[in-house]
C-alpha atoms as a PDB file:
ATOM      1  CA  MET A   1    -226.352-125.811 -41.715  1.00  0.00           C
ATOM      2  CA  LYS A   2    -224.641-129.169 -42.124  1.00  0.00           C
ATOM      3  CA  ASN A   3    -223.264-128.086 -45.510  1.00  0.00           C
ATOM      4  CA  SER A   4    -221.933-124.853 -44.025  1.00  0.00           C
ATOM      5  CA  LEU A   5    -220.016-126.768 -41.360  1.00  0.00           C
ATOM      6  CA  SER A   6    -218.614-129.136 -43.973  1.00  0.00           C
ATOM      7  CA  ILE A   7    -217.435-126.213 -46.099  1.00  0.00           C
ATOM      8  CA  LEU A   8    -215.814-124.526 -43.095  1.00  0.00           C
ATOM      9  CA  ALA A   9    -214.082-127.771 -42.162  1.00  0.00           C
ATOM     10  CA  LEU A  10    -212.808-128.192 -45.725  1.00  0.00           C
ATOM     11  CA  ILE A  11    -211.528-124.602 -45.851  1.00  0.00           C
ATOM     12  CA  SER A  12    -209.713-124.985 -42.538  1.00  0.00           C
ATOM     13  CA  VAL A  13    -208.028-128.188 -43.748  1.00  0.00           C
ATOM     14  CA  LEU A  14    -206.981-126.596 -47.033  1.00  0.00           C
ATOM     15  CA  PHE A  15    -205.597-123.401 -45.539  1.00  0.00           C
ATOM     16  CA  ALA A  16    -204.088-124.769 -42.304  1.00  0.00           C
ATOM     17  CA  PRO A  17    -200.609-125.188 -43.850  1.00  0.00           C
ATOM     18  CA  LEU A  18    -200.642-121.530 -44.925  1.00  0.00           C
ATOM     19  CA  ILE A  19    -201.305-120.245 -41.421  1.00  0.00           C
ATOM     20  CA  GLN A  20    -198.036-119.823 -39.579  1.00  0.00           C
ATOM     21  CA  ALA A  21    -197.649-119.351 -35.882  1.00  0.00           C
ATOM     22  CA  ALA A  22    -195.753-116.312 -34.684  1.00  0.00           C
ATOM     23  CA  PRO A  23    -192.071-117.105 -34.216  1.00  0.00           C
ATOM     24  CA  LEU A  24    -190.879-117.979 -30.762  1.00  0.00           C
ATOM     25  CA  SER A  25    -189.160-114.994 -29.196  1.00  0.00           C
ATOM     26  CA  VAL A  26    -186.655-115.453 -26.401  1.00  0.00           C
ATOM     27  CA  THR A  27    -184.671-112.724 -24.633  1.00  0.00           C
ATOM     28  CA  VAL A  28    -181.163-113.529 -23.435  1.00  0.00           C
ATOM     29  CA  GLN A  29    -178.932-111.328 -21.294  1.00  0.00           C
ATOM     30  CA  VAL A  30    -175.186-111.637 -20.855  1.00  0.00           C
ATOM     31  CA  ASP A  31    -172.972-109.582 -18.564  1.00  0.00           C
ATOM     32  CA  VAL A  32    -169.998-107.942 -20.298  1.00  0.00           C
ATOM     33  CA  PRO A  33    -167.878-106.607 -17.420  1.00  0.00           C
ATOM     34  CA  THR A  34    -164.997-105.363 -19.594  1.00  0.00           C
ATOM     35  CA  ILE A  35    -167.099-103.080 -21.819  1.00  0.00           C
ATOM     36  CA  LYS A  36    -166.268 -99.377 -21.516  1.00  0.00           C
ATOM     37  CA  CYS A  37    -167.702 -97.324 -24.387  1.00  0.00           C
ATOM     38  CA  ALA A  38    -170.032 -97.071 -27.373  1.00  0.00           C
ATOM     39  CA  GLY A  39    -167.286 -98.421 -29.629  1.00  0.00           C
ATOM     40  CA  CYS A  40    -167.164-101.542 -27.471  1.00  0.00           C
ATOM     41  CA  SER A  41    -170.945-101.837 -27.761  1.00  0.00           C
ATOM     42  CA  TRP A  42    -170.779-101.612 -31.527  1.00  0.00           C
ATOM     43  CA  ALA A  43    -168.069-104.284 -31.818  1.00  0.00           C
ATOM     44  CA  ILE A  44    -169.999-106.696 -29.587  1.00  0.00           C
ATOM     45  CA  SER A  45    -173.297-106.010 -31.373  1.00  0.00           C
ATOM     46  CA  GLU A  46    -171.763-106.744 -34.768  1.00  0.00           C
ATOM     47  CA  GLU A  47    -170.486-110.124 -33.575  1.00  0.00           C
ATOM     48  CA  LEU A  48    -173.754-111.102 -31.886  1.00  0.00           C
ATOM     49  CA  LYS A  49    -175.813-110.189 -34.971  1.00  0.00           C
ATOM     50  CA  LYS A  50    -173.917-112.881 -36.891  1.00  0.00           C
ATOM     51  CA  LEU A  51    -175.479-115.635 -34.762  1.00  0.00           C
ATOM     52  CA  ASP A  52    -178.335-117.593 -36.326  1.00  0.00           C
ATOM     53  CA  GLY A  53    -181.735-116.579 -35.017  1.00  0.00           C
ATOM     54  CA  VAL A  54    -180.609-113.333 -33.374  1.00  0.00           C
ATOM     55  CA  SER A  55    -183.052-110.669 -34.522  1.00  0.00           C
ATOM     56  CA  ALA A  56    -182.053-107.778 -32.253  1.00  0.00           C
ATOM     57  CA  VAL A  57    -179.135-106.816 -30.014  1.00  0.00           C
ATOM     58  CA  HIS A  58    -178.768-104.070 -27.405  1.00  0.00           C
ATOM     59  CA  VAL A  59    -175.407-103.618 -25.710  1.00  0.00           C
ATOM     60  CA  ASP A  60    -175.359-101.126 -22.829  1.00  0.00           C
ATOM     61  CA  PRO A  61    -171.905 -99.962 -21.697  1.00  0.00           C
ATOM     62  CA  LYS A  62    -173.346 -98.326 -18.561  1.00  0.00           C
ATOM     63  CA  LYS A  63    -175.090-101.498 -17.382  1.00  0.00           C
ATOM     64  CA  LYS A  64    -172.308-103.660 -18.862  1.00  0.00           C
ATOM     65  CA  THR A  65    -174.840-106.026 -20.437  1.00  0.00           C
ATOM     66  CA  ALA A  66    -175.755-107.408 -23.824  1.00  0.00           C
ATOM     67  CA  VAL A  67    -179.409-108.280 -24.456  1.00  0.00           C
ATOM     68  CA  LEU A  68    -180.365-110.408 -27.453  1.00  0.00           C
ATOM     69  CA  GLU A  69    -183.734-111.181 -28.985  1.00  0.00           C
ATOM     70  CA  VAL A  70    -183.798-114.605 -30.573  1.00  0.00           C
ATOM     71  CA  THR A  71    -186.624-115.532 -32.923  1.00  0.00           C
ATOM     72  CA  SER A  72    -185.763-119.135 -33.584  1.00  0.00           C
ATOM     73  CA  LYS A  73    -186.627-122.526 -32.159  1.00  0.00           C
ATOM     74  CA  GLU A  74    -182.971-122.982 -31.260  1.00  0.00           C
ATOM     75  CA  VAL A  75    -181.562-120.344 -28.938  1.00  0.00           C
ATOM     76  CA  PRO A  76    -177.785-119.888 -29.207  1.00  0.00           C
ATOM     77  CA  GLY A  77    -176.359-121.337 -26.008  1.00  0.00           C
ATOM     78  CA  LYS A  78    -174.069-119.823 -23.434  1.00  0.00           C
ATOM     79  CA  ASP A  79    -170.909-121.160 -25.082  1.00  0.00           C
ATOM     80  CA  LEU A  80    -171.781-119.797 -28.528  1.00  0.00           C
ATOM     81  CA  ILE A  81    -172.785-116.354 -27.247  1.00  0.00           C
ATOM     82  CA  THR A  82    -169.750-116.161 -24.966  1.00  0.00           C
ATOM     83  CA  ALA A  83    -167.449-117.134 -27.849  1.00  0.00           C
ATOM     84  CA  SER A  84    -169.033-114.476 -30.044  1.00  0.00           C
ATOM     85  CA  ILE A  85    -168.451-111.746 -27.444  1.00  0.00           C
ATOM     86  CA  GLU A  86    -164.912-112.974 -26.806  1.00  0.00           C
ATOM     87  CA  SER A  87    -164.177-112.890 -30.551  1.00  0.00           C
ATOM     88  CA  ALA A  88    -164.910-109.153 -30.352  1.00  0.00           C
ATOM     89  CA  GLY A  89    -162.277-108.923 -27.591  1.00  0.00           C
ATOM     90  CA  TYR A  90    -164.449-108.811 -24.449  1.00  0.00           C
ATOM     91  CA  LYS A  91    -165.201-111.092 -21.516  1.00  0.00           C
ATOM     92  CA  ALA A  92    -168.733-112.483 -21.120  1.00  0.00           C
ATOM     93  CA  THR A  93    -170.318-113.851 -17.941  1.00  0.00           C
ATOM     94  CA  GLY A  94    -173.753-114.371 -16.393  1.00  0.00           C
ATOM     95  CA  TYR A  95    -175.753-115.865 -19.304  1.00  0.00           C
ATOM     96  CA  GLN A  96    -179.470-115.935 -18.529  1.00  0.00           C
ATOM     97  CA  VAL A  97    -182.722-116.390 -20.405  1.00  0.00           C
ATOM     98  CA  LEU A  98    -185.084-113.629 -19.279  1.00  0.00           C
ATOM     99  CA  ASP A  99    -188.800-113.952 -18.556  1.00  0.00           C
ATOM    100  CA  THR A 100    -189.452-110.596 -20.198  1.00  0.00           C
ATOM    101  CA  SER A 101    -189.629-109.281 -23.741  1.00  0.00           C
ATOM    102  CA  PHE A 102    -186.678-107.680 -25.512  1.00  0.00           C
ATOM    103  CA  SER A 103    -188.360-104.271 -25.433  1.00  0.00           C
ATOM    104  CA  GLU A 104    -188.974-104.512 -21.687  1.00  0.00           C
ATOM    105  CA  ALA A 105    -185.430-105.705 -21.008  1.00  0.00           C
ATOM    106  CA  THR A 106    -183.894-102.828 -22.965  1.00  0.00           C
ATOM    107  CA  LYS A 107    -185.951 -99.955 -21.533  1.00  0.00           C
ATOM    108  CA  GLU A 108    -183.794 -97.181 -20.149  1.00  0.00           C
END
């Protein structure tokens, strides 16, 4: 029994570096009051996808919001996200980190 525990301890030490934790996932929402159509959504999405750590983007012209899923330890801040949306030609306001998942935040 003692040998079995020693072997298990040795295996856990050897393989611990290979076990990776799931990436941190954060959902961010930004209001985009000047958005009007699907073309606007596409332009904003393309700019937001360029940001480091952004794994998914959903821009809703009806709700006038952009929702981002970030899978990185460093979440792009308000200034960076706002600048990205403004570079697509739209105004961005109301940055907030949501307490819900990306899939929940983007349900219709």
